[in-house]
């Protein structure tokens, strides 16, 4: 669990999804309630419930954040938290808190997709995502999260055509659904090169939406060409083991912006996956844009990938645990002055 030793006040939220945390509805969670007593504050899920626009049926209109919380102008604060599906049925996709199949007595958040659940022109795609939207003043952020790629995903190593789209996390900076004029995203996920014997690797890109005067990005016409993109070829991403993942972000331009991602397997040595110094908001924006919206846990991919796993007897599924987020850059991740 992330403990900010340098500045404990920077810790914004932490949870281990333990029993006092309750997901509603039970069959496919959309919101969480309760207090995770396995950890020290801030550990209260109810703090997020009043910000849901519009209020969920289970939201408490008199809850602690039903109205904008007091505080100094610009004080960093998380917005609202919920689970989004954008299509499909419980039989096709869900998020649920379950007992950890790898460590009895522990609890985890389980994302599962058996069929593509979101229709779009020309096909369907598959999505389950946790969303922290309408954040305030997050010009800098660090988080810790444990991730377990289910062994069913091991079959992807045999998919000879390869793939470049299985999103695990996405950061948004002034998105269009909130009226942003110059949206930008940082998308982190998994990929596999075509051919036999290829491993799974992490990939990432920082990308603006398409605007008048920009060259068309043939693959996704609504998006501009990535400002930057990388594939980490040195680390083969394992399935069937717990990865502790750390994300660090700082708002900035091509010189001052920074994004770092590192992992360690089963508590071993940290491995730096990405350490990017580049734009972390849209270069066309006349003013810097902070991290307004964030999907810290995401299972978002093509129908082809979901079908490939299912047709070989598996399910596209991921477990998540021990999530914590802070407004500080951690001391062990040194940053240029």
Protein backbone atom coordinates (compact mmCIF):
# COMPACT_ATOMS: atom_id res chain seq x y z
CA UNK A 1 0.00 0.00 0.00
CA UNK A 2 1.27 3.45 -0.90
CA UNK A 3 2.27 5.37 2.22
CA UNK A 4 3.59 8.86 1.55
CA UNK A 5 6.37 9.07 4.12
CA UNK A 6 7.47 12.53 2.94
CA UNK A 7 4.02 14.13 3.14
CA UNK A 8 1.23 11.96 4.60
CA UNK A 9 -1.30 14.71 3.93
CA UNK A 10 -0.90 14.14 0.18
CA UNK A 11 -2.60 10.72 0.35
CA UNK A 12 -6.01 11.19 -1.28
CA UNK A 13 -7.51 7.70 -0.98
CA UNK A 14 -6.61 4.07 -0.37
CA UNK A 15 -8.46 0.77 -0.36
CA UNK A 16 -7.83 -2.96 -0.31
CA UNK A 17 -11.46 -3.80 -1.31
CA UNK A 18 -11.88 -5.53 2.04
CA UNK A 19 -15.25 -6.71 3.44
CA UNK A 20 -16.52 -3.37 4.77
CA UNK A 21 -16.38 -2.15 1.16
CA UNK A 22 -19.63 -3.00 -0.57
CA UNK A 23 -20.30 -2.88 -4.31
CA UNK A 24 -23.75 -2.05 -5.66
CA UNK A 25 -25.54 -3.65 -7.36
CA UNK A 26 -24.16 -7.01 -6.29
CA UNK A 27 -24.10 -8.73 -9.69
CA UNK A 28 -22.23 -5.96 -11.56
CA UNK A 29 -20.93 -3.16 -9.34
CA UNK A 30 -21.47 0.45 -10.38
CA UNK A 31 -20.59 2.22 -7.14
CA UNK A 32 -18.97 1.35 -3.80
CA UNK A 33 -20.07 2.16 -0.27
CA UNK A 34 -18.64 1.63 3.18
CA UNK A 35 -15.27 2.21 4.85
CA UNK A 36 -12.28 -0.08 4.30
CA UNK A 37 -11.27 -0.57 7.94
CA UNK A 38 -8.23 -2.64 6.94
CA UNK A 39 -6.48 0.67 6.19
CA UNK A 40 -6.11 4.07 7.80
CA UNK A 41 -8.00 7.08 6.40
CA UNK A 42 -8.65 8.32 3.80
CA UNK A 43 -10.50 5.03 3.26
CA UNK A 44 -14.19 6.03 3.03
CA UNK A 45 -15.94 5.12 -0.22
CA UNK A 46 -18.95 7.20 0.78
CA UNK A 47 -16.91 10.35 0.14
CA UNK A 48 -17.30 9.75 -3.59
CA UNK A 49 -21.02 9.10 -3.67
CA UNK A 50 -22.38 12.62 -3.59
CA UNK A 51 -20.50 13.65 -6.72
CA UNK A 52 -22.12 11.25 -9.15
CA UNK A 53 -23.89 13.27 -11.86
CA UNK A 54 -26.76 12.52 -11.64
CA UNK A 55 -26.89 10.87 -8.24
CA UNK A 56 -27.11 7.09 -8.34
CA UNK A 57 -30.17 5.65 -6.58
CA UNK A 58 -27.83 4.55 -3.77
CA UNK A 59 -26.03 7.87 -3.39
CA UNK A 60 -26.52 9.73 -0.14
CA UNK A 61 -27.58 13.31 -0.96
CA UNK A 62 -26.51 14.35 2.55
CA UNK A 63 -23.17 12.55 2.33
CA UNK A 64 -19.84 14.19 3.18
CA UNK A 65 -19.21 15.37 -0.38
CA UNK A 66 -22.77 15.83 -1.58
CA UNK A 67 -21.82 19.45 -2.12
CA UNK A 68 -18.42 20.74 -3.09
CA UNK A 69 -16.09 20.22 -0.16
CA UNK A 70 -14.54 23.30 1.43
CA UNK A 71 -10.85 23.87 1.01
CA UNK A 72 -8.24 26.19 -0.36
CA UNK A 73 -8.65 27.12 -4.04
CA UNK A 74 -6.72 24.68 -6.19
CA UNK A 75 -6.42 22.07 -3.43
CA UNK A 76 -5.99 18.68 -5.17
CA UNK A 77 -8.99 16.43 -4.76
CA UNK A 78 -10.43 13.39 -6.45
CA UNK A 79 -13.83 13.70 -8.10
CA UNK A 80 -16.33 10.85 -8.19
CA UNK A 81 -15.69 7.11 -8.53
CA UNK A 82 -17.83 4.61 -10.37
CA UNK A 83 -17.65 1.58 -12.66
CA UNK A 84 -18.65 2.04 -16.29
CA UNK A 85 -19.67 -0.57 -18.87
CA UNK A 86 -21.29 1.41 -21.74
CA UNK A 87 -23.27 -1.52 -23.04
CA UNK A 88 -23.90 -5.22 -22.60
CA UNK A 89 -25.44 -7.34 -19.85
CA UNK A 90 -24.20 -8.90 -16.64
CA UNK A 91 -23.83 -12.18 -18.52
CA UNK A 92 -21.33 -10.44 -20.84
CA UNK A 93 -19.34 -8.27 -18.44
CA UNK A 94 -19.10 -7.28 -14.80
CA UNK A 95 -16.97 -5.86 -11.99
CA UNK A 96 -17.31 -7.58 -8.60
CA UNK A 97 -15.49 -7.70 -5.28
CA UNK A 98 -14.62 -11.36 -4.69
CA UNK A 99 -12.39 -13.42 -2.43
CA UNK A 100 -8.91 -13.55 -3.91
CA UNK A 101 -8.52 -16.97 -5.58
CA UNK A 102 -4.75 -16.73 -5.07
CA UNK A 103 -4.79 -15.74 -1.36
CA UNK A 104 -7.85 -16.92 0.66
CA UNK A 105 -9.06 -14.31 3.11
CA UNK A 106 -8.00 -11.41 0.89
CA UNK A 107 -10.50 -9.57 -1.33
CA UNK A 108 -9.96 -8.18 -4.82
CA UNK A 109 -11.86 -6.36 -7.56
CA UNK A 110 -12.60 -8.69 -10.48
CA UNK A 111 -13.15 -7.42 -14.06
CA UNK A 112 -14.54 -10.00 -16.49
CA UNK A 113 -15.68 -9.85 -20.13
CA UNK A 114 -17.00 -12.85 -22.07
CA UNK A 115 -18.41 -10.97 -25.08
CA UNK A 116 -17.89 -7.54 -26.61
CA UNK A 117 -20.42 -5.28 -24.90
CA UNK A 118 -20.25 -1.87 -26.57
CA UNK A 119 -21.68 -1.31 -30.05
CA UNK A 120 -20.14 1.15 -32.48
CA UNK A 121 -20.41 1.59 -36.28
CA UNK A 122 -18.97 -1.48 -37.95
CA UNK A 123 -18.63 -3.72 -34.92
CA UNK A 124 -18.34 -3.97 -31.16
CA UNK A 125 -15.72 -3.45 -28.48
CA UNK A 126 -15.38 -4.63 -24.90
CA UNK A 127 -15.16 -2.44 -21.80
CA UNK A 128 -15.18 -2.53 -18.00
CA UNK A 129 -13.52 0.47 -16.37
CA UNK A 130 -13.18 2.21 -13.04
CA UNK A 131 -13.56 5.96 -13.41
CA UNK A 132 -12.33 8.83 -11.25
CA UNK A 133 -13.86 11.80 -13.05
CA UNK A 134 -14.05 15.53 -12.40
CA UNK A 135 -10.84 15.60 -10.37
CA UNK A 136 -9.70 19.00 -9.12
CA UNK A 137 -6.22 20.44 -9.24
CA UNK A 138 -4.35 17.20 -10.04
CA UNK A 139 -1.29 18.70 -11.68
CA UNK A 140 0.78 15.91 -10.13
CA UNK A 141 -0.21 12.41 -9.05
CA UNK A 142 1.22 9.08 -8.00
CA UNK A 143 -0.61 5.82 -7.44
CA UNK A 144 0.01 2.23 -6.46
CA UNK A 145 -2.11 -0.67 -7.62
CA UNK A 146 -1.79 -4.44 -7.75
CA UNK A 147 -2.79 -6.20 -10.97
CA UNK A 148 -3.21 -9.90 -11.74
CA UNK A 149 -3.63 -10.87 -15.37
CA UNK A 150 -5.69 -14.04 -15.21
CA UNK A 151 -4.00 -17.18 -16.59
CA UNK A 152 -6.76 -17.33 -19.23
CA UNK A 153 -4.92 -14.45 -20.93
CA UNK A 154 -1.89 -16.68 -21.45
CA UNK A 155 -3.48 -17.85 -24.71
CA UNK A 156 -2.74 -14.42 -26.17
CA UNK A 157 0.90 -15.47 -26.50
CA UNK A 158 -0.23 -17.87 -29.21
CA UNK A 159 -2.22 -15.31 -31.21
CA UNK A 160 0.03 -15.11 -34.26
CA UNK A 161 -1.65 -12.03 -35.77
CA UNK A 162 -0.77 -10.11 -32.60
CA UNK A 163 -2.63 -7.11 -31.17
CA UNK A 164 -1.92 -3.57 -30.03
CA UNK A 165 -5.06 -2.78 -28.05
CA UNK A 166 -5.77 -3.98 -24.54
CA UNK A 167 -6.01 -0.84 -22.41
CA UNK A 168 -5.21 -1.17 -18.69
CA UNK A 169 -5.20 2.50 -17.62
CA UNK A 170 -6.14 5.81 -19.23
CA UNK A 171 -5.54 9.40 -18.12
CA UNK A 172 -7.63 12.23 -19.59
CA UNK A 173 -6.86 15.93 -19.79
CA UNK A 174 -9.89 18.10 -20.64
CA UNK A 175 -11.93 15.42 -22.46
CA UNK A 176 -14.61 16.32 -24.98
CA UNK A 177 -17.42 14.83 -22.86
CA UNK A 178 -16.75 17.58 -20.33
CA UNK A 179 -16.56 20.30 -22.96
CA UNK A 180 -12.78 20.34 -23.35
CA UNK A 181 -11.58 22.25 -26.41
CA UNK A 182 -8.22 20.47 -26.69
CA UNK A 183 -8.59 16.94 -25.28
CA UNK A 184 -5.58 14.71 -24.68
CA UNK A 185 -5.13 11.22 -23.27
CA UNK A 186 -2.36 8.94 -22.06
CA UNK A 187 -3.25 5.29 -22.68
CA UNK A 188 -1.29 2.40 -21.18
CA UNK A 189 -1.94 -1.19 -22.17
CA UNK A 190 -0.70 -4.51 -23.50
CA UNK A 191 0.38 -5.51 -26.99
CA UNK A 192 1.93 -8.43 -28.84
CA UNK A 193 3.83 -8.35 -32.11
CA UNK A 194 2.69 -10.72 -34.89
CA UNK A 195 4.44 -14.05 -35.29
CA UNK A 196 5.29 -17.12 -33.29
CA UNK A 197 7.10 -16.86 -29.96
CA UNK A 198 6.27 -13.21 -29.27
CA UNK A 199 5.78 -12.11 -25.64
CA UNK A 200 3.25 -9.69 -24.15
CA UNK A 201 4.59 -6.17 -23.65
CA UNK A 202 3.41 -2.86 -22.25
CA UNK A 203 2.67 -0.05 -24.72
CA UNK A 204 1.76 3.59 -24.16
CA UNK A 205 0.92 6.72 -26.11
CA UNK A 206 0.06 10.35 -25.47
CA UNK A 207 -2.50 11.48 -28.03
CA UNK A 208 -4.66 14.54 -28.83
CA UNK A 209 -8.09 14.36 -30.39
CA UNK A 210 -8.29 15.41 -34.04
CA UNK A 211 -8.74 19.13 -34.71
CA UNK A 212 -9.15 21.12 -37.90
CA UNK A 213 -5.84 21.43 -39.69
CA UNK A 214 -4.32 18.26 -38.20
CA UNK A 215 -3.36 15.30 -40.40
CA UNK A 216 -5.85 12.46 -40.19
CA UNK A 217 -4.81 9.45 -38.15
CA UNK A 218 -6.04 6.62 -40.42
CA UNK A 219 -6.54 4.05 -37.68
CA UNK A 220 -8.84 6.25 -35.57
CA UNK A 221 -10.03 9.33 -37.50
CA UNK A 222 -11.42 11.01 -34.36
CA UNK A 223 -7.89 11.14 -32.94
CA UNK A 224 -4.78 12.96 -34.07
CA UNK A 225 -1.43 11.28 -34.56
CA UNK A 226 0.13 10.40 -31.19
CA UNK A 227 2.38 13.11 -29.78
CA UNK A 228 4.52 10.29 -28.42
CA UNK A 229 4.25 6.49 -28.21
CA UNK A 230 6.42 3.66 -26.92
CA UNK A 231 6.54 -0.11 -26.56
CA UNK A 232 8.65 -1.58 -23.73
CA UNK A 233 10.37 -4.54 -25.38
CA UNK A 234 12.66 -5.63 -22.51
CA UNK A 235 10.02 -6.75 -19.99
CA UNK A 236 7.83 -9.74 -20.84
CA UNK A 237 4.54 -9.18 -19.02
CA UNK A 238 3.60 -12.32 -17.05
CA UNK A 239 0.16 -13.78 -16.47
CA UNK A 240 -0.90 -15.64 -13.34
CA UNK A 241 1.20 -13.53 -10.94
CA UNK A 242 0.61 -10.34 -9.00
CA UNK A 243 2.26 -7.21 -10.36
CA UNK A 244 2.57 -4.16 -8.13
CA UNK A 245 2.28 -1.13 -10.42
CA UNK A 246 3.25 2.47 -9.73
CA UNK A 247 2.10 5.37 -11.89
CA UNK A 248 3.53 8.89 -11.58
CA UNK A 249 2.36 11.90 -13.58
CA UNK A 250 3.28 15.57 -13.72
CA UNK A 251 1.57 18.24 -15.81
CA UNK A 252 3.88 19.86 -18.33
CA UNK A 253 4.97 20.54 -21.88
CA UNK A 254 7.56 18.75 -24.00
CA UNK A 255 10.29 19.68 -21.51
CA UNK A 256 8.50 19.75 -18.14
CA UNK A 257 5.84 17.06 -18.54
CA UNK A 258 6.61 13.63 -17.13
CA UNK A 259 4.99 10.22 -16.92
CA UNK A 260 6.55 7.19 -15.21
CA UNK A 261 5.33 3.62 -14.85
CA UNK A 262 7.13 0.79 -13.09
CA UNK A 263 6.24 -2.68 -11.85
CA UNK A 264 7.54 -5.42 -9.62
CA UNK A 265 6.59 -9.08 -9.62
CA UNK A 266 5.48 -10.62 -6.31
CA UNK A 267 7.31 -7.99 -4.24
CA UNK A 268 10.58 -8.33 -6.14
CA UNK A 269 12.80 -5.64 -7.66
CA UNK A 270 11.14 -2.64 -9.29
CA UNK A 271 11.43 -2.55 -13.08
CA UNK A 272 11.11 0.80 -14.88
CA UNK A 273 8.71 0.30 -17.78
CA UNK A 274 8.31 3.90 -18.99
CA UNK A 275 9.93 7.17 -17.97
CA UNK A 276 8.68 9.77 -20.43
CA UNK A 277 9.57 13.45 -20.51
CA UNK A 278 7.08 14.98 -22.95
CA UNK A 279 3.69 16.65 -23.26
CA UNK A 280 1.11 15.52 -20.69
CA UNK A 281 -1.62 17.75 -22.12
CA UNK A 282 -2.56 18.77 -25.65
CA UNK A 283 0.22 20.82 -27.31
CA UNK A 284 -2.46 22.94 -29.00
CA UNK A 285 -3.92 24.10 -25.70
CA UNK A 286 -3.02 27.72 -24.87
CA UNK A 287 -2.96 26.85 -21.15
CA UNK A 288 -1.83 23.75 -19.21
CA UNK A 289 -4.56 21.19 -18.46
CA UNK A 290 -4.34 18.98 -15.33
CA UNK A 291 -5.52 15.41 -14.91
CA UNK A 292 -9.27 16.01 -14.96
CA UNK A 293 -10.42 12.41 -15.51
CA UNK A 294 -8.81 9.02 -15.00
CA UNK A 295 -9.47 5.32 -15.51
CA UNK A 296 -6.98 3.78 -13.04
CA UNK A 297 -8.29 0.25 -13.72
CA UNK A 298 -9.46 -0.64 -17.20
CA UNK A 299 -10.19 -3.68 -19.35
CA UNK A 300 -10.91 -2.24 -22.78
CA UNK A 301 -10.21 -4.07 -26.01
CA UNK A 302 -11.51 -5.40 -29.30
CA UNK A 303 -14.19 -8.01 -29.87
CA UNK A 304 -11.54 -10.00 -31.75
CA UNK A 305 -9.38 -10.32 -28.62
CA UNK A 306 -12.29 -11.27 -26.36
CA UNK A 307 -13.48 -13.82 -28.94
CA UNK A 308 -9.98 -15.28 -29.30
CA UNK A 309 -9.72 -15.91 -25.55
CA UNK A 310 -13.28 -17.27 -25.27
CA UNK A 311 -12.92 -19.58 -28.28
CA UNK A 312 -9.96 -21.20 -26.52
CA UNK A 313 -11.89 -21.88 -23.34
CA UNK A 314 -10.98 -18.73 -21.41
CA UNK A 315 -12.36 -15.36 -20.31
CA UNK A 316 -10.75 -11.93 -20.62
CA UNK A 317 -10.38 -11.11 -16.94
CA UNK A 318 -8.16 -9.18 -14.51
CA UNK A 319 -7.98 -8.91 -10.70
CA UNK A 320 -7.07 -5.61 -8.99
CA UNK A 321 -6.09 -4.91 -5.38
CA UNK A 322 -4.53 -2.40 -2.97
CA UNK A 323 -5.23 0.86 -4.77
CA UNK A 324 -3.88 4.14 -3.38
CA UNK A 325 -3.51 7.59 -4.91
CA UNK A 326 -1.56 10.64 -3.76
CA UNK A 327 -1.10 14.20 -4.98
CA UNK A 328 2.69 13.98 -4.44
CA UNK A 329 5.51 12.70 -6.56
CA UNK A 330 7.11 9.90 -4.47
CA UNK A 331 10.62 10.47 -3.21
CA UNK A 332 11.92 7.21 -4.69
CA UNK A 333 10.96 8.45 -8.18
CA UNK A 334 13.35 11.36 -8.56
CA UNK A 335 12.37 14.01 -11.08
CA UNK A 336 14.48 16.56 -12.98
CA UNK A 337 14.52 20.05 -11.52
